[in-house]
Amino acid sequence: MSSGLRPRETQVVALVVAGLTSKEIARRLDISPLTVRKHRENVMRKLGAHSMAELIDAARALGIGTTPSEVFPKNSG
């Protein structure tokens, strides 16, 4: 992917596209909601998105658009 996104930014945007809130993403990644917001802002800047709709469209165009379980599968055990 030539978007220039860092791995954590890709994780965050994938979870945003999947419909999770910042609080849900923060819990899942064990980071603060403010850190989630900062990652989201960085991604929006890098992708030239000015709204959440534009962010989601840009992420999907890059192939980032999975369900949360595909991003972080639960351990069976």
C-alpha atoms as a PDB file:
ATOM      1  CA  MET A   1       0.000   0.000   0.000  1.00  0.00           C
ATOM      2  CA  SER A   2       1.493   3.325  -1.012  1.00  0.00           C
ATOM      3  CA  SER A   3      -0.566   5.443   1.393  1.00  0.00           C
ATOM      4  CA  GLY A   4       2.335   6.008   3.772  1.00  0.00           C
ATOM      5  CA  LEU A   5       0.283   4.860   6.760  1.00  0.00           C
ATOM      6  CA  ARG A   6       2.036   3.373   9.744  1.00  0.00           C
ATOM      7  CA  PRO A   7       0.846  -0.021  10.993  1.00  0.00           C
ATOM      8  CA  ARG A   8      -0.998   1.462  14.004  1.00  0.00           C
ATOM      9  CA  GLU A   9      -2.666   4.060  11.793  1.00  0.00           C
ATOM     10  CA  THR A  10      -3.823   1.280   9.488  1.00  0.00           C
ATOM     11  CA  GLN A  11      -5.246  -0.624  12.466  1.00  0.00           C
ATOM     12  CA  VAL A  12      -7.092   2.442  13.712  1.00  0.00           C
ATOM     13  CA  VAL A  13      -8.562   3.349  10.329  1.00  0.00           C
ATOM     14  CA  ALA A  14      -9.616  -0.253   9.695  1.00  0.00           C
ATOM     15  CA  LEU A  15     -11.529  -0.227  12.973  1.00  0.00           C
ATOM     16  CA  VAL A  16     -13.055   3.169  12.140  1.00  0.00           C
ATOM     17  CA  VAL A  17     -14.230   1.775   8.795  1.00  0.00           C
ATOM     18  CA  ALA A  18     -15.632  -1.241  10.653  1.00  0.00           C
ATOM     19  CA  GLY A  19     -17.801   1.144  12.677  1.00  0.00           C
ATOM     20  CA  LEU A  20     -16.095   1.176  16.069  1.00  0.00           C
ATOM     21  CA  THR A  21     -16.075   4.316  18.195  1.00  0.00           C
ATOM     22  CA  SER A  22     -12.867   5.885  19.476  1.00  0.00           C
ATOM     23  CA  LYS A  23     -13.534   4.444  22.928  1.00  0.00           C
ATOM     24  CA  GLU A  24     -14.061   0.958  21.499  1.00  0.00           C
ATOM     25  CA  ILE A  25     -10.903   1.238  19.415  1.00  0.00           C
ATOM     26  CA  ALA A  26      -8.949   2.475  22.435  1.00  0.00           C
ATOM     27  CA  ARG A  27     -10.089  -0.474  24.527  1.00  0.00           C
ATOM     28  CA  ARG A  28      -9.293  -2.953  21.771  1.00  0.00           C
ATOM     29  CA  LEU A  29      -5.795  -1.524  21.168  1.00  0.00           C
ATOM     30  CA  ASP A  30      -5.093  -0.721  24.834  1.00  0.00           C
ATOM     31  CA  ILE A  31      -4.450   2.964  24.118  1.00  0.00           C
ATOM     32  CA  SER A  32      -6.255   6.144  25.138  1.00  0.00           C
ATOM     33  CA  PRO A  33      -9.162   7.587  23.131  1.00  0.00           C
ATOM     34  CA  LEU A  34      -7.050  10.721  22.619  1.00  0.00           C
ATOM     35  CA  THR A  35      -4.332   8.616  21.003  1.00  0.00           C
ATOM     36  CA  VAL A  36      -6.965   7.077  18.736  1.00  0.00           C
ATOM     37  CA  ARG A  37      -8.098  10.575  17.765  1.00  0.00           C
ATOM     38  CA  LYS A  38      -4.518  11.618  16.978  1.00  0.00           C
ATOM     39  CA  HIS A  39      -3.958   8.541  14.793  1.00  0.00           C
ATOM     40  CA  ARG A  40      -7.236   9.250  12.996  1.00  0.00           C
ATOM     41  CA  GLU A  41      -6.228  12.889  12.438  1.00  0.00           C
ATOM     42  CA  ASN A  42      -2.864  11.787  11.027  1.00  0.00           C
ATOM     43  CA  VAL A  43      -4.559   9.354   8.658  1.00  0.00           C
ATOM     44  CA  MET A  44      -7.034  11.987   7.519  1.00  0.00           C
ATOM     45  CA  ARG A  45      -4.169  14.386   6.782  1.00  0.00           C
ATOM     46  CA  LYS A  46      -2.162  11.737   4.918  1.00  0.00           C
ATOM     47  CA  LEU A  47      -5.163  10.665   2.833  1.00  0.00           C
ATOM     48  CA  GLY A  48      -6.440  14.203   2.258  1.00  0.00           C
ATOM     49  CA  ALA A  49      -9.774  13.475   3.933  1.00  0.00           C
ATOM     50  CA  HIS A  50     -11.754  16.340   5.449  1.00  0.00           C
ATOM     51  CA  SER A  51     -14.597  14.315   6.944  1.00  0.00           C
ATOM     52  CA  MET A  52     -15.235  10.839   8.286  1.00  0.00           C
ATOM     53  CA  ALA A  53     -17.093   9.962   5.072  1.00  0.00           C
ATOM     54  CA  GLU A  54     -14.052  10.958   3.009  1.00  0.00           C
ATOM     55  CA  LEU A  55     -11.775   9.011   5.360  1.00  0.00           C
ATOM     56  CA  ILE A  56     -13.890   5.885   4.974  1.00  0.00           C
ATOM     57  CA  ASP A  57     -14.040   6.263   1.194  1.00  0.00           C
ATOM     58  CA  ALA A  58     -10.255   6.763   0.967  1.00  0.00           C
ATOM     59  CA  ALA A  59      -9.570   3.807   3.259  1.00  0.00           C
ATOM     60  CA  ARG A  60     -11.848   1.525   1.252  1.00  0.00           C
ATOM     61  CA  ALA A  61     -10.160   2.659  -1.966  1.00  0.00           C
ATOM     62  CA  LEU A  62      -6.882   1.472  -0.416  1.00  0.00           C
ATOM     63  CA  GLY A  63      -8.430  -1.861   0.527  1.00  0.00           C
ATOM     64  CA  ILE A  64      -8.752  -0.984   4.197  1.00  0.00           C
ATOM     65  CA  GLY A  65     -12.266  -1.986   5.090  1.00  0.00           C
ATOM     66  CA  THR A  66     -12.554  -5.106   7.120  1.00  0.00           C
ATOM     67  CA  THR A  67     -14.618  -6.205  10.045  1.00  0.00           C
ATOM     68  CA  PRO A  68     -13.059  -5.882  13.522  1.00  0.00           C
ATOM     69  CA  SER A  69     -12.700  -9.667  13.799  1.00  0.00           C
ATOM     70  CA  GLU A  70     -10.609  -9.705  10.618  1.00  0.00           C
ATOM     71  CA  VAL A  71      -8.361  -6.963  11.982  1.00  0.00           C
ATOM     72  CA  PHE A  72      -7.942  -8.608  15.382  1.00  0.00           C
ATOM     73  CA  PRO A  73      -9.204 -12.196  15.445  1.00  0.00           C
ATOM     74  CA  LYS A  74     -10.104 -13.512  18.885  1.00  0.00           C
ATOM     75  CA  ASN A  75      -7.970 -16.286  20.280  1.00  0.00           C
ATOM     76  CA  SER A  76      -9.773 -19.572  20.577  1.00  0.00           C
ATOM     77  CA  GLY A  77      -8.721 -20.756  23.943  1.00  0.00           C
END
